[in-house]
């Protein structure tokens, strides 16, 4: 699965077993500082219709509703600059061209 090393780093920093992340029902994403998707949990298929392989290494903003992209990019940049967690809601375009609301 793409992002295996990223997942290992993520789980080690939080002291979570990788199995917990793999079995999450929610859609977990790990992004790099540029907003590129480095890892997504296997539940992505049931939540969005995309496989992990289809979405890995793409920019998250490319899946976000046009009306939400500006706020998302600003909040991501603020989170990176301040070190504070990213907290927001956004509309994510699913494979069937409908949108789901996610919380980051």
PDB file of N, CA and C in Angstrom:
ATOM      1  N   UNK A   1       0.845  -1.176   0.000  1.00  0.00           N
ATOM      2  CA  UNK A   1       0.000   0.000   0.000  1.00  0.00           C
ATOM      3  C   UNK A   1       0.887   1.234   0.000  1.00  0.00           C
ATOM      4  N   UNK A   2       0.587   2.244  -0.826  1.00  0.00           N
ATOM      5  CA  UNK A   2       1.373   3.452  -0.822  1.00  0.00           C
ATOM      6  C   UNK A   2       1.330   4.111   0.555  1.00  0.00           C
ATOM      7  N   UNK A   3       2.443   4.703   0.943  1.00  0.00           N
ATOM      8  CA  UNK A   3       2.490   5.435   2.196  1.00  0.00           C
ATOM      9  C   UNK A   3       2.819   4.591   3.407  1.00  0.00           C
ATOM     10  N   UNK A   4       3.342   3.388   3.205  1.00  0.00           N
ATOM     11  CA  UNK A   4       3.649   2.517   4.332  1.00  0.00           C
ATOM     12  C   UNK A   4       4.592   3.142   5.333  1.00  0.00           C
ATOM     13  N   UNK A   5       5.660   3.789   4.863  1.00  0.00           N
ATOM     14  CA  UNK A   5       6.597   4.449   5.773  1.00  0.00           C
ATOM     15  C   UNK A   5       5.934   5.604   6.498  1.00  0.00           C
ATOM     16  N   UNK A   6       5.084   6.348   5.797  1.00  0.00           N
ATOM     17  CA  UNK A   6       4.364   7.457   6.413  1.00  0.00           C
ATOM     18  C   UNK A   6       3.464   6.940   7.522  1.00  0.00           C
ATOM     19  N   UNK A   7       2.772   5.852   7.276  1.00  0.00           N
ATOM     20  CA  UNK A   7       1.902   5.270   8.291  1.00  0.00           C
ATOM     21  C   UNK A   7       2.705   4.840   9.501  1.00  0.00           C
ATOM     22  N   UNK A   8       3.851   4.219   9.297  1.00  0.00           N
ATOM     23  CA  UNK A   8       4.699   3.782  10.401  1.00  0.00           C
ATOM     24  C   UNK A   8       5.131   4.969  11.249  1.00  0.00           C
ATOM     25  N   UNK A   9       5.573   6.055  10.619  1.00  0.00           N
ATOM     26  CA  UNK A   9       5.974   7.259  11.359  1.00  0.00           C
ATOM     27  C   UNK A   9       4.793   7.817  12.143  1.00  0.00           C
ATOM     28  N   UNK A  10       3.630   7.888  11.501  1.00  0.00           N
ATOM     29  CA  UNK A  10       2.425   8.432  12.128  1.00  0.00           C
ATOM     30  C   UNK A  10       2.034   7.615  13.355  1.00  0.00           C
ATOM     31  N   UNK A  11       1.987   6.301  13.224  1.00  0.00           N
ATOM     32  CA  UNK A  11       1.568   5.457  14.343  1.00  0.00           C
ATOM     33  C   UNK A  11       2.592   5.456  15.468  1.00  0.00           C
ATOM     34  N   UNK A  12       3.868   5.526  15.145  1.00  0.00           N
ATOM     35  CA  UNK A  12       4.907   5.569  16.186  1.00  0.00           C
ATOM     36  C   UNK A  12       4.795   6.850  17.002  1.00  0.00           C
ATOM     37  N   UNK A  13       4.590   7.989  16.318  1.00  0.00           N
ATOM     38  CA  UNK A  13       4.507   9.266  17.023  1.00  0.00           C
ATOM     39  C   UNK A  13       3.310   9.321  17.956  1.00  0.00           C
ATOM     40  N   UNK A  14       2.256   8.619  17.637  1.00  0.00           N
ATOM     41  CA  UNK A  14       1.047   8.644  18.450  1.00  0.00           C
ATOM     42  C   UNK A  14       0.907   7.406  19.326  1.00  0.00           C
ATOM     43  N   UNK A  15       1.886   6.506  19.228  1.00  0.00           N
ATOM     44  CA  UNK A  15       1.863   5.259  19.992  1.00  0.00           C
ATOM     45  C   UNK A  15       0.602   4.443  19.689  1.00  0.00           C
ATOM     46  N   UNK A  16       0.207   4.444  18.413  1.00  0.00           N
ATOM     47  CA  UNK A  16      -0.941   3.661  17.960  1.00  0.00           C
ATOM     48  C   UNK A  16      -0.441   2.451  17.201  1.00  0.00           C
ATOM     49  N   UNK A  17      -1.039   1.296  17.406  1.00  0.00           N
ATOM     50  CA  UNK A  17      -0.705   0.159  16.541  1.00  0.00           C
ATOM     51  C   UNK A  17      -1.243   0.414  15.128  1.00  0.00           C
ATOM     52  N   UNK A  18      -0.511  -0.011  14.121  1.00  0.00           N
ATOM     53  CA  UNK A  18      -0.941   0.175  12.729  1.00  0.00           C
ATOM     54  C   UNK A  18      -2.308  -0.464  12.495  1.00  0.00           C
ATOM     55  N   UNK A  19      -2.591  -1.539  13.193  1.00  0.00           N
ATOM     56  CA  UNK A  19      -3.882  -2.231  13.024  1.00  0.00           C
ATOM     57  C   UNK A  19      -5.055  -1.314  13.360  1.00  0.00           C
ATOM     58  N   UNK A  20      -4.897  -0.440  14.343  1.00  0.00           N
ATOM     59  CA  UNK A  20      -5.957   0.505  14.704  1.00  0.00           C
ATOM     60  C   UNK A  20      -6.269   1.398  13.514  1.00  0.00           C
ATOM     61  N   UNK A  21      -5.247   1.932  12.885  1.00  0.00           N
ATOM     62  CA  UNK A  21      -5.428   2.824  11.742  1.00  0.00           C
ATOM     63  C   UNK A  21      -6.063   2.076  10.578  1.00  0.00           C
ATOM     64  N   UNK A  22      -5.612   0.861  10.336  1.00  0.00           N
ATOM     65  CA  UNK A  22      -6.125   0.076   9.212  1.00  0.00           C
ATOM     66  C   UNK A  22      -7.598  -0.274   9.375  1.00  0.00           C
ATOM     67  N   UNK A  23      -8.071  -0.381  10.604  1.00  0.00           N
ATOM     68  CA  UNK A  23      -9.454  -0.787  10.834  1.00  0.00           C
ATOM     69  C   UNK A  23     -10.390   0.373  11.146  1.00  0.00           C
ATOM     70  N   UNK A  24      -9.903   1.595  11.061  1.00  0.00           N
ATOM     71  CA  UNK A  24     -10.762   2.754  11.285  1.00  0.00           C
ATOM     72  C   UNK A  24     -11.916   2.748  10.299  1.00  0.00           C
ATOM     73  N   UNK A  25     -13.085   3.085  10.769  1.00  0.00           N
ATOM     74  CA  UNK A  25     -14.243   3.226   9.885  1.00  0.00           C
ATOM     75  C   UNK A  25     -14.235   4.603   9.229  1.00  0.00           C
ATOM     76  N   UNK A  26     -13.609   5.559   9.886  1.00  0.00           N
ATOM     77  CA  UNK A  26     -13.491   6.898   9.322  1.00  0.00           C
ATOM     78  C   UNK A  26     -12.372   6.924   8.297  1.00  0.00           C
ATOM     79  N   UNK A  27     -12.353   7.966   7.529  1.00  0.00           N
ATOM     80  CA  UNK A  27     -11.379   8.174   6.465  1.00  0.00           C
ATOM     81  C   UNK A  27     -10.199   8.937   7.062  1.00  0.00           C
ATOM     82  N   UNK A  28      -9.097   8.248   7.310  1.00  0.00           N
ATOM     83  CA  UNK A  28      -7.889   8.878   7.829  1.00  0.00           C
ATOM     84  C   UNK A  28      -6.963   9.193   6.672  1.00  0.00           C
ATOM     85  N   UNK A  29      -6.476  10.421   6.637  1.00  0.00           N
ATOM     86  CA  UNK A  29      -5.530  10.829   5.601  1.00  0.00           C
ATOM     87  C   UNK A  29      -4.303  11.411   6.277  1.00  0.00           C
ATOM     88  N   UNK A  30      -3.158  11.137   5.723  1.00  0.00           N
ATOM     89  CA  UNK A  30      -1.927  11.777   6.166  1.00  0.00           C
ATOM     90  C   UNK A  30      -1.417  12.570   4.974  1.00  0.00           C
ATOM     91  N   UNK A  31      -1.219  13.875   5.196  1.00  0.00           N
ATOM     92  CA  UNK A  31      -0.768  14.778   4.139  1.00  0.00           C
ATOM     93  C   UNK A  31       0.653  15.221   4.406  1.00  0.00           C
ATOM     94  N   UNK A  32       1.374  15.572   3.339  1.00  0.00           N
ATOM     95  CA  UNK A  32       2.667  16.220   3.541  1.00  0.00           C
ATOM     96  C   UNK A  32       2.422  17.724   3.671  1.00  0.00           C
ATOM     97  N   UNK A  33       3.479  18.499   3.834  1.00  0.00           N
ATOM     98  CA  UNK A  33       3.355  19.943   4.050  1.00  0.00           C
ATOM     99  C   UNK A  33       2.759  20.671   2.850  1.00  0.00           C
ATOM    100  N   UNK A  34       2.762  20.047   1.688  1.00  0.00           N
ATOM    101  CA  UNK A  34       2.183  20.662   0.491  1.00  0.00           C
ATOM    102  C   UNK A  34       0.732  20.251   0.273  1.00  0.00           C
ATOM    103  N   UNK A  35       0.194  19.441   1.160  1.00  0.00           N
ATOM    104  CA  UNK A  35      -1.186  18.997   1.020  1.00  0.00           C
ATOM    105  C   UNK A  35      -1.349  17.778   0.125  1.00  0.00           C
ATOM    106  N   UNK A  36      -0.244  17.127  -0.199  1.00  0.00           N
ATOM    107  CA  UNK A  36      -0.294  15.903  -1.012  1.00  0.00           C
ATOM    108  C   UNK A  36      -0.625  14.724  -0.094  1.00  0.00           C
ATOM    109  N   UNK A  37      -1.506  13.869  -0.550  1.00  0.00           N
ATOM    110  CA  UNK A  37      -1.941  12.714   0.229  1.00  0.00           C
ATOM    111  C   UNK A  37      -0.833  11.666   0.220  1.00  0.00           C
ATOM    112  N   UNK A  38      -0.319  11.352   1.400  1.00  0.00           N
ATOM    113  CA  UNK A  38       0.748  10.357   1.531  1.00  0.00           C
ATOM    114  C   UNK A  38       0.227   9.012   2.002  1.00  0.00           C
ATOM    115  N   UNK A  39      -0.890   9.014   2.697  1.00  0.00           N
ATOM    116  CA  UNK A  39      -1.504   7.767   3.161  1.00  0.00           C
ATOM    117  C   UNK A  39      -2.989   8.005   3.345  1.00  0.00           C
ATOM    118  N   UNK A  40      -3.795   7.006   3.019  1.00  0.00           N
ATOM    119  CA  UNK A  40      -5.220   7.006   3.352  1.00  0.00           C
ATOM    120  C   UNK A  40      -5.565   5.637   3.923  1.00  0.00           C
ATOM    121  N   UNK A  41      -6.468   5.632   4.870  1.00  0.00           N
ATOM    122  CA  UNK A  41      -6.880   4.362   5.469  1.00  0.00           C
ATOM    123  C   UNK A  41      -7.701   3.556   4.466  1.00  0.00           C
ATOM    124  N   UNK A  42      -7.702   2.239   4.631  1.00  0.00           N
ATOM    125  CA  UNK A  42      -8.444   1.381   3.697  1.00  0.00           C
ATOM    126  C   UNK A  42      -9.932   1.706   3.603  1.00  0.00           C
ATOM    127  N   UNK A  43     -10.492   2.339   4.627  1.00  0.00           N
ATOM    128  CA  UNK A  43     -11.917   2.679   4.611  1.00  0.00           C
ATOM    129  C   UNK A  43     -12.269   3.701   3.539  1.00  0.00           C
ATOM    130  N   UNK A  44     -11.265   4.269   2.884  1.00  0.00           N
ATOM    131  CA  UNK A  44     -11.534   5.262   1.847  1.00  0.00           C
ATOM    132  C   UNK A  44     -12.476   4.721   0.780  1.00  0.00           C
ATOM    133  N   UNK A  45     -12.353   3.447   0.455  1.00  0.00           N
ATOM    134  CA  UNK A  45     -13.187   2.865  -0.600  1.00  0.00           C
ATOM    135  C   UNK A  45     -14.669   2.959  -0.244  1.00  0.00           C
ATOM    136  N   UNK A  46     -15.026   2.566   0.969  1.00  0.00           N
ATOM    137  CA  UNK A  46     -16.442   2.597   1.353  1.00  0.00           C
ATOM    138  C   UNK A  46     -16.957   4.016   1.565  1.00  0.00           C
ATOM    139  N   UNK A  47     -16.081   4.943   1.906  1.00  0.00           N
ATOM    140  CA  UNK A  47     -16.489   6.314   2.191  1.00  0.00           C
ATOM    141  C   UNK A  47     -16.553   7.173   0.929  1.00  0.00           C
ATOM    142  N   UNK A  48     -15.607   6.966  -0.007  1.00  0.00           N
ATOM    143  CA  UNK A  48     -15.514   7.851  -1.178  1.00  0.00           C
ATOM    144  C   UNK A  48     -15.657   7.147  -2.526  1.00  0.00           C
ATOM    145  N   UNK A  49     -15.468   5.839  -2.547  1.00  0.00           N
ATOM    146  CA  UNK A  49     -15.494   5.117  -3.815  1.00  0.00           C
ATOM    147  C   UNK A  49     -14.125   4.990  -4.457  1.00  0.00           C
ATOM    148  N   UNK A  50     -13.125   5.691  -3.927  1.00  0.00           N
ATOM    149  CA  UNK A  50     -11.756   5.600  -4.443  1.00  0.00           C
ATOM    150  C   UNK A  50     -10.990   4.516  -3.691  1.00  0.00           C
ATOM    151  N   UNK A  51     -10.053   3.874  -4.373  1.00  0.00           N
ATOM    152  CA  UNK A  51      -9.126   2.977  -3.693  1.00  0.00           C
ATOM    153  C   UNK A  51      -7.958   3.809  -3.177  1.00  0.00           C
ATOM    154  N   UNK A  52      -7.187   3.238  -2.276  1.00  0.00           N
ATOM    155  CA  UNK A  52      -5.995   3.922  -1.759  1.00  0.00           C
ATOM    156  C   UNK A  52      -5.048   4.280  -2.893  1.00  0.00           C
ATOM    157  N   UNK A  53      -4.911   3.378  -3.846  1.00  0.00           N
ATOM    158  CA  UNK A  53      -3.986   3.602  -4.961  1.00  0.00           C
ATOM    159  C   UNK A  53      -4.445   4.746  -5.860  1.00  0.00           C
ATOM    160  N   UNK A  54      -5.755   4.913  -6.025  1.00  0.00           N
ATOM    161  CA  UNK A  54      -6.277   5.972  -6.890  1.00  0.00           C
ATOM    162  C   UNK A  54      -6.047   7.364  -6.312  1.00  0.00           C
ATOM    163  N   UNK A  55      -5.957   7.458  -5.012  1.00  0.00           N
ATOM    164  CA  UNK A  55      -5.887   8.772  -4.378  1.00  0.00           C
ATOM    165  C   UNK A  55      -4.503   9.114  -3.831  1.00  0.00           C
ATOM    166  N   UNK A  56      -3.657   8.115  -3.628  1.00  0.00           N
ATOM    167  CA  UNK A  56      -2.315   8.359  -3.085  1.00  0.00           C
ATOM    168  C   UNK A  56      -1.516   9.253  -4.020  1.00  0.00           C
ATOM    169  N   UNK A  57      -0.735  10.132  -3.426  1.00  0.00           N
ATOM    170  CA  UNK A  57       0.151  11.071  -4.121  1.00  0.00           C
ATOM    171  C   UNK A  57      -0.581  12.155  -4.909  1.00  0.00           C
ATOM    172  N   UNK A  58      -1.877  12.312  -4.661  1.00  0.00           N
ATOM    173  CA  UNK A  58      -2.628  13.411  -5.269  1.00  0.00           C
ATOM    174  C   UNK A  58      -2.763  14.513  -4.218  1.00  0.00           C
ATOM    175  N   UNK A  59      -3.059  15.719  -4.667  1.00  0.00           N
ATOM    176  CA  UNK A  59      -3.272  16.824  -3.738  1.00  0.00           C
ATOM    177  C   UNK A  59      -4.704  16.784  -3.218  1.00  0.00           C
ATOM    178  N   UNK A  60      -4.852  16.869  -1.903  1.00  0.00           N
ATOM    179  CA  UNK A  60      -6.179  16.826  -1.310  1.00  0.00           C
ATOM    180  C   UNK A  60      -7.063  17.929  -1.870  1.00  0.00           C
ATOM    181  N   UNK A  61      -6.502  19.100  -2.118  1.00  0.00           N
ATOM    182  CA  UNK A  61      -7.313  20.220  -2.604  1.00  0.00           C
ATOM    183  C   UNK A  61      -7.990  19.912  -3.928  1.00  0.00           C
ATOM    184  N   UNK A  62      -7.446  18.969  -4.690  1.00  0.00           N
ATOM    185  CA  UNK A  62      -8.054  18.595  -5.970  1.00  0.00           C
ATOM    186  C   UNK A  62      -9.360  17.822  -5.792  1.00  0.00           C
ATOM    187  N   UNK A  63      -9.633  17.367  -4.578  1.00  0.00           N
ATOM    188  CA  UNK A  63     -10.864  16.638  -4.284  1.00  0.00           C
ATOM    189  C   UNK A  63     -11.851  17.486  -3.478  1.00  0.00           C
ATOM    190  N   UNK A  64     -11.444  18.694  -3.122  1.00  0.00           N
ATOM    191  CA  UNK A  64     -12.270  19.554  -2.277  1.00  0.00           C
ATOM    192  C   UNK A  64     -13.128  20.463  -3.150  1.00  0.00           C
ATOM    193  N   UNK A  65     -14.361  20.671  -2.724  1.00  0.00           N
ATOM    194  CA  UNK A  65     -15.305  21.541  -3.439  1.00  0.00           C
ATOM    195  C   UNK A  65     -14.659  22.905  -3.684  1.00  0.00           C
ATOM    196  N   UNK A  66     -14.889  23.452  -4.876  1.00  0.00           N
ATOM    197  CA  UNK A  66     -14.281  24.735  -5.252  1.00  0.00           C
ATOM    198  C   UNK A  66     -14.538  25.828  -4.222  1.00  0.00           C
ATOM    199  N   UNK A  67     -15.719  25.855  -3.638  1.00  0.00           N
ATOM    200  CA  UNK A  67     -16.045  26.888  -2.649  1.00  0.00           C
ATOM    201  C   UNK A  67     -15.300  26.704  -1.329  1.00  0.00           C
ATOM    202  N   UNK A  68     -14.716  25.539  -1.097  1.00  0.00           N
ATOM    203  CA  UNK A  68     -14.018  25.254   0.156  1.00  0.00           C
ATOM    204  C   UNK A  68     -12.496  25.289   0.028  1.00  0.00           C
ATOM    205  N   UNK A  69     -11.984  25.310  -1.200  1.00  0.00           N
ATOM    206  CA  UNK A  69     -10.531  25.199  -1.412  1.00  0.00           C
ATOM    207  C   UNK A  69      -9.767  26.349  -0.765  1.00  0.00           C
ATOM    208  N   UNK A  70     -10.216  27.583  -0.954  1.00  0.00           N
ATOM    209  CA  UNK A  70      -9.506  28.737  -0.397  1.00  0.00           C
ATOM    210  C   UNK A  70      -9.361  28.652   1.111  1.00  0.00           C
ATOM    211  N   UNK A  71     -10.442  28.322   1.783  1.00  0.00           N
ATOM    212  CA  UNK A  71     -10.414  28.194   3.243  1.00  0.00           C
ATOM    213  C   UNK A  71      -9.518  27.029   3.646  1.00  0.00           C
ATOM    214  N   UNK A  72      -9.627  25.906   2.927  1.00  0.00           N
ATOM    215  CA  UNK A  72      -8.801  24.743   3.249  1.00  0.00           C
ATOM    216  C   UNK A  72      -7.319  25.076   3.146  1.00  0.00           C
ATOM    217  N   UNK A  73      -6.905  25.697   2.040  1.00  0.00           N
ATOM    218  CA  UNK A  73      -5.489  26.027   1.836  1.00  0.00           C
ATOM    219  C   UNK A  73      -5.011  26.998   2.912  1.00  0.00           C
ATOM    220  N   UNK A  74      -5.815  28.017   3.213  1.00  0.00           N
ATOM    221  CA  UNK A  74      -5.437  28.985   4.249  1.00  0.00           C
ATOM    222  C   UNK A  74      -5.303  28.305   5.613  1.00  0.00           C
ATOM    223  N   UNK A  75      -6.252  27.448   5.952  1.00  0.00           N
ATOM    224  CA  UNK A  75      -6.211  26.747   7.244  1.00  0.00           C
ATOM    225  C   UNK A  75      -5.040  25.768   7.317  1.00  0.00           C
ATOM    226  N   UNK A  76      -4.755  25.073   6.212  1.00  0.00           N
ATOM    227  CA  UNK A  76      -3.616  24.154   6.183  1.00  0.00           C
ATOM    228  C   UNK A  76      -2.314  24.921   6.388  1.00  0.00           C
ATOM    229  N   UNK A  77      -2.159  26.031   5.675  1.00  0.00           N
ATOM    230  CA  UNK A  77      -0.946  26.845   5.825  1.00  0.00           C
ATOM    231  C   UNK A  77      -0.806  27.384   7.243  1.00  0.00           C
ATOM    232  N   UNK A  78      -1.906  27.821   7.832  1.00  0.00           N
ATOM    233  CA  UNK A  78      -1.883  28.320   9.213  1.00  0.00           C
ATOM    234  C   UNK A  78      -1.507  27.197  10.181  1.00  0.00           C
ATOM    235  N   UNK A  79      -2.040  26.023   9.955  1.00  0.00           N
ATOM    236  CA  UNK A  79      -1.732  24.875  10.806  1.00  0.00           C
ATOM    237  C   UNK A  79      -0.247  24.526  10.738  1.00  0.00           C
ATOM    238  N   UNK A  80       0.295  24.544   9.538  1.00  0.00           N
ATOM    239  CA  UNK A  80       1.719  24.240   9.360  1.00  0.00           C
ATOM    240  C   UNK A  80       2.580  25.303  10.030  1.00  0.00           C
ATOM    241  N   UNK A  81       2.232  26.572   9.826  1.00  0.00           N
ATOM    242  CA  UNK A  81       3.025  27.677  10.380  1.00  0.00           C
ATOM    243  C   UNK A  81       2.974  27.713  11.907  1.00  0.00           C
ATOM    244  N   UNK A  82       1.800  27.444  12.470  1.00  0.00           N
ATOM    245  CA  UNK A  82       1.632  27.563  13.916  1.00  0.00           C
ATOM    246  C   UNK A  82       1.909  26.258  14.669  1.00  0.00           C
ATOM    247  N   UNK A  83       1.825  25.143  13.965  1.00  0.00           N
ATOM    248  CA  UNK A  83       1.964  23.850  14.627  1.00  0.00           C
ATOM    249  C   UNK A  83       0.682  23.385  15.294  1.00  0.00           C
ATOM    250  N   UNK A  84      -0.386  24.167  15.142  1.00  0.00           N
ATOM    251  CA  UNK A  84      -1.679  23.792  15.717  1.00  0.00           C
ATOM    252  C   UNK A  84      -2.402  22.807  14.799  1.00  0.00           C
ATOM    253  N   UNK A  85      -3.242  21.955  15.374  1.00  0.00           N
ATOM    254  CA  UNK A  85      -3.986  21.001  14.540  1.00  0.00           C
ATOM    255  C   UNK A  85      -4.918  21.718  13.562  1.00  0.00           C
ATOM    256  N   UNK A  86      -5.122  21.111  12.424  1.00  0.00           N
ATOM    257  CA  UNK A  86      -6.062  21.625  11.432  1.00  0.00           C
ATOM    258  C   UNK A  86      -7.458  21.213  11.866  1.00  0.00           C
ATOM    259  N   UNK A  87      -8.351  22.177  12.028  1.00  0.00           N
ATOM    260  CA  UNK A  87      -9.725  21.901  12.431  1.00  0.00           C
ATOM    261  C   UNK A  87     -10.666  22.625  11.484  1.00  0.00           C
ATOM    262  N   UNK A  88     -11.360  21.862  10.659  1.00  0.00           N
ATOM    263  CA  UNK A  88     -12.327  22.461   9.742  1.00  0.00           C
ATOM    264  C   UNK A  88     -13.196  21.373   9.129  1.00  0.00           C
ATOM    265  N   UNK A  89     -14.281  21.798   8.494  1.00  0.00           N
ATOM    266  CA  UNK A  89     -15.129  20.922   7.701  1.00  0.00           C
ATOM    267  C   UNK A  89     -14.936  21.290   6.245  1.00  0.00           C
ATOM    268  N   UNK A  90     -15.005  20.298   5.367  1.00  0.00           N
ATOM    269  CA  UNK A  90     -14.906  20.573   3.934  1.00  0.00           C
ATOM    270  C   UNK A  90     -15.680  19.513   3.165  1.00  0.00           C
ATOM    271  N   UNK A  91     -16.054  19.875   1.945  1.00  0.00           N
ATOM    272  CA  UNK A  91     -16.766  18.944   1.071  1.00  0.00           C
ATOM    273  C   UNK A  91     -15.761  18.245   0.166  1.00  0.00           C
ATOM    274  N   UNK A  92     -15.795  16.926   0.189  1.00  0.00           N
ATOM    275  CA  UNK A  92     -14.873  16.078  -0.566  1.00  0.00           C
ATOM    276  C   UNK A  92     -15.634  15.441  -1.723  1.00  0.00           C
ATOM    277  N   UNK A  93     -15.094  15.585  -2.932  1.00  0.00           N
ATOM    278  CA  UNK A  93     -15.749  15.021  -4.115  1.00  0.00           C
ATOM    279  C   UNK A  93     -15.486  13.521  -4.193  1.00  0.00           C
ATOM    280  N   UNK A  94     -16.563  12.763  -4.137  1.00  0.00           N
ATOM    281  CA  UNK A  94     -16.463  11.309  -4.205  1.00  0.00           C
ATOM    282  C   UNK A  94     -16.344  10.865  -5.661  1.00  0.00           C
ATOM    283  N   UNK A  95     -16.035   9.619  -5.856  1.00  0.00           N
ATOM    284  CA  UNK A  95     -15.826   9.082  -7.199  1.00  0.00           C
ATOM    285  C   UNK A  95     -17.083   9.196  -8.065  1.00  0.00           C
ATOM    286  N   UNK A  96     -18.260   9.168  -7.444  1.00  0.00           N
ATOM    287  CA  UNK A  96     -19.512   9.269  -8.204  1.00  0.00           C
ATOM    288  C   UNK A  96     -19.940  10.719  -8.447  1.00  0.00           C
ATOM    289  N   UNK A  97     -19.025  11.667  -8.208  1.00  0.00           N
ATOM    290  CA  UNK A  97     -19.236  13.110  -8.412  1.00  0.00           C
ATOM    291  C   UNK A  97     -20.205  13.753  -7.421  1.00  0.00           C
ATOM    292  N   UNK A  98     -20.539  13.065  -6.344  1.00  0.00           N
ATOM    293  CA  UNK A  98     -21.284  13.691  -5.265  1.00  0.00           C
ATOM    294  C   UNK A  98     -20.272  14.119  -4.206  1.00  0.00           C
ATOM    295  N   UNK A  99     -20.732  14.868  -3.214  1.00  0.00           N
ATOM    296  CA  UNK A  99     -19.833  15.352  -2.170  1.00  0.00           C
ATOM    297  C   UNK A  99     -20.222  14.787  -0.813  1.00  0.00           C
ATOM    298  N   UNK A 100     -19.213  14.532  -0.007  1.00  0.00           N
ATOM    299  CA  UNK A 100     -19.394  14.133   1.388  1.00  0.00           C
ATOM    300  C   UNK A 100     -18.718  15.202   2.238  1.00  0.00           C
ATOM    301  N   UNK A 101     -19.283  15.484   3.382  1.00  0.00           N
ATOM    302  CA  UNK A 101     -18.689  16.470   4.287  1.00  0.00           C
ATOM    303  C   UNK A 101     -17.778  15.737   5.259  1.00  0.00           C
ATOM    304  N   UNK A 102     -16.525  16.202   5.307  1.00  0.00           N
ATOM    305  CA  UNK A 102     -15.534  15.621   6.207  1.00  0.00           C
ATOM    306  C   UNK A 102     -15.040  16.675   7.185  1.00  0.00           C
ATOM    307  N   UNK A 103     -14.568  16.201   8.320  1.00  0.00           N
ATOM    308  CA  UNK A 103     -13.950  17.059   9.326  1.00  0.00           C
ATOM    309  C   UNK A 103     -12.464  16.757   9.355  1.00  0.00           C
ATOM    310  N   UNK A 104     -11.667  17.811   9.363  1.00  0.00           N
ATOM    311  CA  UNK A 104     -10.211  17.658   9.454  1.00  0.00           C
ATOM    312  C   UNK A 104      -9.757  18.153  10.805  1.00  0.00           C
TER     313      UNK A 104
END
